[in-house]
Amino acid sequence: MLKITIPAIEQWDESKNEFFYSKEHTLQLEHSLVSLSKWESQWSKPFLSKEDKTVDETIDYIRCMTITQNVDDSIYKLLTNENILTIHKYIEADMTATKFRKSLNGPNREIITAEVIYYWMISMNIPFECQKWHLNRLLTLINVCNIKNAPPKKMNQQELISRNAELNAARKKSLGTGG
């Protein structure tokens, strides 16, 4: 969860010809499958794509991430550049210590939507309470499940020769023979 503070600022009301001050606001945000699902249902397109988001789409995703109750829509117009940068860093954060080696197969071109992630959760028996985890952490768990459930990789010829040589050397040593 990310907590951001939108500072109090002075604004000009053109209709009343006077300055007014907005008070400081604190928002709690969660980048999760739930927020992703809300955003995709409103915009009818995948959020996890390489396509850049418009300002309206970005602000709306922040609105979908908000878990603070009863936030007036006008508050989102007061977000500072620093707030937006903090939110982007939070969205991009790994939120896990698990690291993966780069795949030699190249990038996967599958379009990933909330429904695809829910499918992965169901097929891997991941409980639905994980939908509230940070999205990158959930995707890491799904990746770990894929790796652990994959059939063992076959050894190439060099690995097989090396393993057999190690086994033979261990047997010779334990039996005390020379071959």
Protein backbone atom coordinates (compact mmCIF):
# COMPACT_ATOMS: atom_id res chain seq x y z
CA MET A 1 0.00 0.00 0.00
CA LEU A 2 1.17 3.51 -0.79
CA LYS A 3 0.22 6.55 1.22
CA ILE A 4 0.59 9.90 -0.53
CA THR A 5 -0.10 13.38 0.71
CA ILE A 6 -1.49 16.03 -1.62
CA PRO A 7 -0.33 19.34 -0.15
CA ALA A 8 -2.62 22.26 0.64
CA ILE A 9 -2.47 24.82 -2.15
CA GLU A 10 -3.78 28.27 -2.98
CA GLN A 11 -6.15 28.43 -5.96
CA TRP A 12 -8.04 31.10 -7.84
CA ASP A 13 -11.82 30.90 -8.26
CA GLU A 14 -12.64 32.84 -11.44
CA SER A 15 -16.39 32.82 -10.81
CA LYS A 16 -16.00 34.51 -7.41
CA ASN A 17 -12.85 36.48 -8.27
CA GLU A 18 -11.10 35.36 -5.11
CA PHE A 19 -8.40 33.06 -3.83
CA PHE A 20 -9.22 30.00 -1.80
CA TYR A 21 -7.13 27.32 -0.15
CA SER A 22 -7.56 23.61 -0.49
CA LYS A 23 -6.61 21.59 2.55
CA GLU A 24 -4.04 18.81 2.63
CA HIS A 25 -5.33 15.35 1.61
CA THR A 26 -3.90 11.91 2.27
CA LEU A 27 -4.72 9.04 -0.07
CA GLN A 28 -4.04 5.35 0.41
CA LEU A 29 -3.44 3.54 -2.88
CA GLU A 30 -3.09 -0.12 -3.80
CA HIS A 31 -1.79 -1.29 -7.20
CA SER A 32 -3.60 -4.63 -7.32
CA LEU A 33 -5.57 -6.93 -9.55
CA VAL A 34 -8.73 -5.33 -8.13
CA SER A 35 -7.67 -1.83 -9.29
CA LEU A 36 -6.53 -3.21 -12.65
CA SER A 37 -9.90 -4.90 -13.12
CA LYS A 38 -11.82 -1.71 -12.27
CA TRP A 39 -9.77 0.34 -14.73
CA GLU A 40 -10.09 -2.20 -17.57
CA SER A 41 -13.85 -2.42 -17.09
CA GLN A 42 -14.10 1.36 -17.50
CA TRP A 43 -11.68 1.77 -20.43
CA SER A 44 -12.27 -1.60 -22.19
CA LYS A 45 -8.60 -2.06 -23.02
CA PRO A 46 -5.64 -3.79 -21.37
CA PHE A 47 -3.78 -1.72 -18.78
CA LEU A 48 -0.62 -3.85 -18.95
CA SER A 49 0.31 -2.88 -22.48
CA LYS A 50 3.24 -0.96 -23.94
CA GLU A 51 0.82 1.74 -25.11
CA ASP A 52 1.22 5.06 -23.26
CA LYS A 53 -1.70 6.18 -21.12
CA THR A 54 -3.37 9.56 -21.52
CA VAL A 55 -3.52 11.94 -18.56
CA ASP A 56 -7.20 11.04 -18.07
CA GLU A 57 -6.41 7.30 -18.14
CA THR A 58 -3.56 7.77 -15.65
CA ILE A 59 -5.66 9.83 -13.23
CA ASP A 60 -8.48 7.32 -13.53
CA TYR A 61 -6.11 4.47 -12.69
CA ILE A 62 -5.02 6.37 -9.59
CA ARG A 63 -8.72 6.74 -8.74
CA CYS A 64 -9.17 2.96 -9.20
CA MET A 65 -6.15 2.35 -6.93
CA THR A 66 -7.58 4.52 -4.14
CA ILE A 67 -8.72 2.59 -1.09
CA THR A 68 -9.40 5.72 0.97
CA GLN A 69 -13.16 6.11 1.31
CA ASN A 70 -15.24 9.07 0.02
CA VAL A 71 -12.57 10.94 -1.95
CA ASP A 72 -13.98 13.81 -3.99
CA ASP A 73 -13.03 13.61 -7.70
CA SER A 74 -11.66 17.15 -7.60
CA ILE A 75 -8.85 15.96 -5.29
CA TYR A 76 -7.22 14.06 -8.16
CA LYS A 77 -6.76 17.34 -10.07
CA LEU A 78 -4.56 18.54 -7.19
CA LEU A 79 -1.99 15.75 -7.54
CA THR A 80 1.50 17.20 -7.88
CA ASN A 81 4.17 15.99 -10.31
CA GLU A 82 5.99 14.59 -7.28
CA ASN A 83 2.83 12.64 -6.29
CA ILE A 84 2.54 11.21 -9.82
CA LEU A 85 6.23 10.25 -9.86
CA THR A 86 5.90 8.54 -6.47
CA ILE A 87 2.85 6.61 -7.70
CA HIS A 88 4.67 5.50 -10.89
CA LYS A 89 7.67 4.28 -8.84
CA TYR A 90 5.27 2.35 -6.59
CA ILE A 91 3.54 0.75 -9.61
CA GLU A 92 6.90 -0.29 -11.10
CA ALA A 93 8.34 -1.65 -7.81
CA ASP A 94 9.04 -5.41 -7.64
CA MET A 95 7.64 -5.81 -4.09
CA THR A 96 9.46 -9.14 -3.78
CA ALA A 97 12.96 -10.53 -3.32
CA THR A 98 12.40 -13.15 -6.02
CA LYS A 99 14.41 -12.57 -9.20
CA PHE A 100 14.26 -14.43 -12.50
CA ARG A 101 16.88 -15.02 -15.14
CA LYS A 102 16.15 -13.45 -18.47
CA SER A 103 14.34 -15.79 -20.83
CA LEU A 104 16.15 -16.84 -23.99
CA ASN A 105 12.82 -17.33 -25.77
CA GLY A 106 12.24 -13.60 -26.27
CA PRO A 107 9.34 -11.50 -25.09
CA ASN A 108 5.88 -12.98 -24.68
CA ARG A 109 3.42 -11.17 -26.94
CA GLU A 110 0.28 -12.36 -25.13
CA ILE A 111 -2.08 -9.55 -24.16
CA ILE A 112 -2.49 -9.73 -20.40
CA THR A 113 -5.78 -8.53 -18.96
CA ALA A 114 -7.36 -8.87 -15.53
CA GLU A 115 -9.34 -11.91 -16.72
CA VAL A 116 -6.17 -13.67 -17.89
CA ILE A 117 -4.59 -13.09 -14.47
CA TYR A 118 -7.74 -14.37 -12.74
CA TYR A 119 -7.58 -17.46 -14.97
CA TRP A 120 -3.95 -18.05 -13.94
CA MET A 121 -4.95 -17.70 -10.29
CA ILE A 122 -7.76 -20.25 -10.68
CA SER A 123 -5.66 -22.73 -12.66
CA MET A 124 -2.85 -22.55 -10.07
CA ASN A 125 -5.19 -22.63 -7.04
CA ILE A 126 -3.99 -19.23 -5.85
CA PRO A 127 -6.53 -17.93 -3.32
CA PHE A 128 -8.61 -14.92 -4.31
CA GLU A 129 -7.41 -12.84 -1.36
CA CYS A 130 -4.17 -12.46 -3.37
CA GLN A 131 -6.07 -10.20 -5.78
CA LYS A 132 -5.43 -7.41 -3.25
CA TRP A 133 -1.65 -7.93 -3.25
CA HIS A 134 0.59 -5.53 -5.12
CA LEU A 135 0.15 -6.62 -8.75
CA ASN A 136 3.87 -7.21 -9.39
CA ARG A 137 4.04 -9.49 -6.35
CA LEU A 138 1.04 -11.48 -7.59
CA LEU A 139 2.57 -11.81 -11.06
CA THR A 140 5.82 -13.00 -9.47
CA LEU A 141 3.89 -15.67 -7.54
CA ILE A 142 2.22 -16.79 -10.77
CA ASN A 143 5.63 -16.95 -12.48
CA VAL A 144 7.06 -19.01 -9.58
CA CYS A 145 4.09 -21.42 -9.81
CA ASN A 146 4.70 -21.79 -13.57
CA ILE A 147 8.37 -22.56 -13.03
CA LYS A 148 7.78 -25.01 -10.17
CA ASN A 149 4.96 -26.80 -12.04
CA ALA A 150 6.90 -27.09 -15.31
CA PRO A 151 8.30 -30.52 -16.23
CA PRO A 152 12.02 -30.85 -15.50
CA LYS A 153 14.23 -29.56 -18.28
CA LYS A 154 16.09 -32.28 -20.20
CA MET A 155 19.87 -32.22 -19.98
CA ASN A 156 21.88 -31.52 -23.08
CA GLN A 157 24.69 -33.90 -24.12
CA GLN A 158 27.46 -32.00 -22.29
CA GLU A 159 25.46 -31.81 -19.03
CA LEU A 160 24.70 -35.55 -19.23
CA ILE A 161 28.39 -36.45 -19.76
CA SER A 162 29.46 -34.19 -16.89
CA ARG A 163 26.85 -35.62 -14.50
CA ASN A 164 27.79 -39.21 -15.37
CA ALA A 165 31.49 -38.44 -14.83
CA GLU A 166 30.70 -37.04 -11.37
CA LEU A 167 28.61 -40.10 -10.48
CA ASN A 168 31.34 -42.49 -11.67
CA ALA A 169 34.00 -40.62 -9.68
CA ALA A 170 31.84 -40.76 -6.53
CA ARG A 171 31.23 -44.51 -6.99
CA LYS A 172 34.96 -45.21 -7.51
CA LYS A 173 35.79 -43.27 -4.37
CA SER A 174 33.13 -44.99 -2.21
CA LEU A 175 34.11 -48.45 -3.45
CA GLY A 176 37.83 -47.73 -3.35
CA THR A 177 38.43 -48.95 -6.90
CA GLY A 178 40.34 -47.51 -9.83
CA GLY A 179 37.77 -48.22 -12.45
